[in-house]
Amino acid sequence: MSDRQLLEQILELTKQNQQGILELKDDVADLKVRVTNIEKTMLCKNDLKYY
């Protein structure tokens, strides 16, 4: 394998890693919003003292 081919392969793998990281960041951002919404609406221990 030539140096050029090796560099091209490394570049392609780097691009794939970057895409994967971006997808994970989107997933984490979505989960963060969902957890925040759940926390806003969930019952707490103090809420249950009434019952």
C-alpha atoms as a PDB file:
ATOM      1  CA  MET A   1       0.000   0.000   0.000  1.00  0.00           C
ATOM      2  CA  SER A   2       1.439   3.338  -0.998  1.00  0.00           C
ATOM      3  CA  ASP A   3       1.649   6.337   1.277  1.00  0.00           C
ATOM      4  CA  ARG A   4      -1.020   8.084  -0.774  1.00  0.00           C
ATOM      5  CA  GLN A   5      -3.445   5.172  -0.427  1.00  0.00           C
ATOM      6  CA  LEU A   6      -2.778   4.982   3.286  1.00  0.00           C
ATOM      7  CA  LEU A   7      -3.462   8.701   3.707  1.00  0.00           C
ATOM      8  CA  GLU A   8      -6.672   8.411   1.682  1.00  0.00           C
ATOM      9  CA  GLN A   9      -7.801   5.501   3.842  1.00  0.00           C
ATOM     10  CA  ILE A  10      -7.023   7.443   7.025  1.00  0.00           C
ATOM     11  CA  LEU A  11      -8.895  10.446   5.662  1.00  0.00           C
ATOM     12  CA  GLU A  12     -11.945   8.314   4.836  1.00  0.00           C
ATOM     13  CA  LEU A  13     -11.939   6.709   8.286  1.00  0.00           C
ATOM     14  CA  THR A  14     -11.634  10.154   9.876  1.00  0.00           C
ATOM     15  CA  LYS A  15     -14.648  11.375   7.893  1.00  0.00           C
ATOM     16  CA  GLN A  16     -16.640   8.329   9.001  1.00  0.00           C
ATOM     17  CA  ASN A  17     -15.670   8.957  12.626  1.00  0.00           C
ATOM     18  CA  GLN A  18     -16.694  12.598  12.368  1.00  0.00           C
ATOM     19  CA  GLN A  19     -20.077  11.598  10.918  1.00  0.00           C
ATOM     20  CA  GLY A  20     -20.596   9.102  13.725  1.00  0.00           C
ATOM     21  CA  ILE A  21     -19.727  11.710  16.320  1.00  0.00           C
ATOM     22  CA  LEU A  22     -22.167  14.192  14.794  1.00  0.00           C
ATOM     23  CA  GLU A  23     -24.922  11.574  14.861  1.00  0.00           C
ATOM     24  CA  LEU A  24     -24.172  10.809  18.504  1.00  0.00           C
ATOM     25  CA  LYS A  25     -24.238  14.512  19.369  1.00  0.00           C
ATOM     26  CA  ASP A  26     -27.681  14.801  17.761  1.00  0.00           C
ATOM     27  CA  ASP A  27     -28.916  11.759  19.686  1.00  0.00           C
ATOM     28  CA  VAL A  28     -27.573  13.133  22.982  1.00  0.00           C
ATOM     29  CA  ALA A  29     -29.160  16.526  22.343  1.00  0.00           C
ATOM     30  CA  ASP A  30     -32.504  14.835  21.653  1.00  0.00           C
ATOM     31  CA  LEU A  31     -32.238  12.727  24.804  1.00  0.00           C
ATOM     32  CA  LYS A  32     -31.328  15.807  26.839  1.00  0.00           C
ATOM     33  CA  VAL A  33     -34.522  17.533  25.701  1.00  0.00           C
ATOM     34  CA  ARG A  34     -36.590  14.436  26.440  1.00  0.00           C
ATOM     35  CA  VAL A  35     -35.127  14.021  29.940  1.00  0.00           C
ATOM     36  CA  THR A  36     -35.677  17.697  30.688  1.00  0.00           C
ATOM     37  CA  ASN A  37     -39.328  17.364  29.667  1.00  0.00           C
ATOM     38  CA  ILE A  38     -39.741  14.256  31.810  1.00  0.00           C
ATOM     39  CA  GLU A  39     -38.206  16.002  34.812  1.00  0.00           C
ATOM     40  CA  LYS A  40     -40.633  18.891  34.408  1.00  0.00           C
ATOM     41  CA  THR A  41     -43.687  16.652  34.481  1.00  0.00           C
ATOM     42  CA  MET A  42     -42.765  13.756  36.752  1.00  0.00           C
ATOM     43  CA  LEU A  43     -44.034  13.329  40.264  1.00  0.00           C
ATOM     44  CA  CYS A  44     -41.646  13.781  43.148  1.00  0.00           C
ATOM     45  CA  LYS A  45     -41.643  12.272  46.609  1.00  0.00           C
ATOM     46  CA  ASN A  46     -43.114  15.492  48.003  1.00  0.00           C
ATOM     47  CA  ASP A  47     -45.974  15.271  45.507  1.00  0.00           C
ATOM     48  CA  LEU A  48     -46.884  11.843  46.861  1.00  0.00           C
ATOM     49  CA  LYS A  49     -47.043  12.973  50.510  1.00  0.00           C
ATOM     50  CA  TYR A  50     -50.472  14.411  49.791  1.00  0.00           C
ATOM     51  CA  TYR A  51     -51.787  10.928  49.037  1.00  0.00           C
END
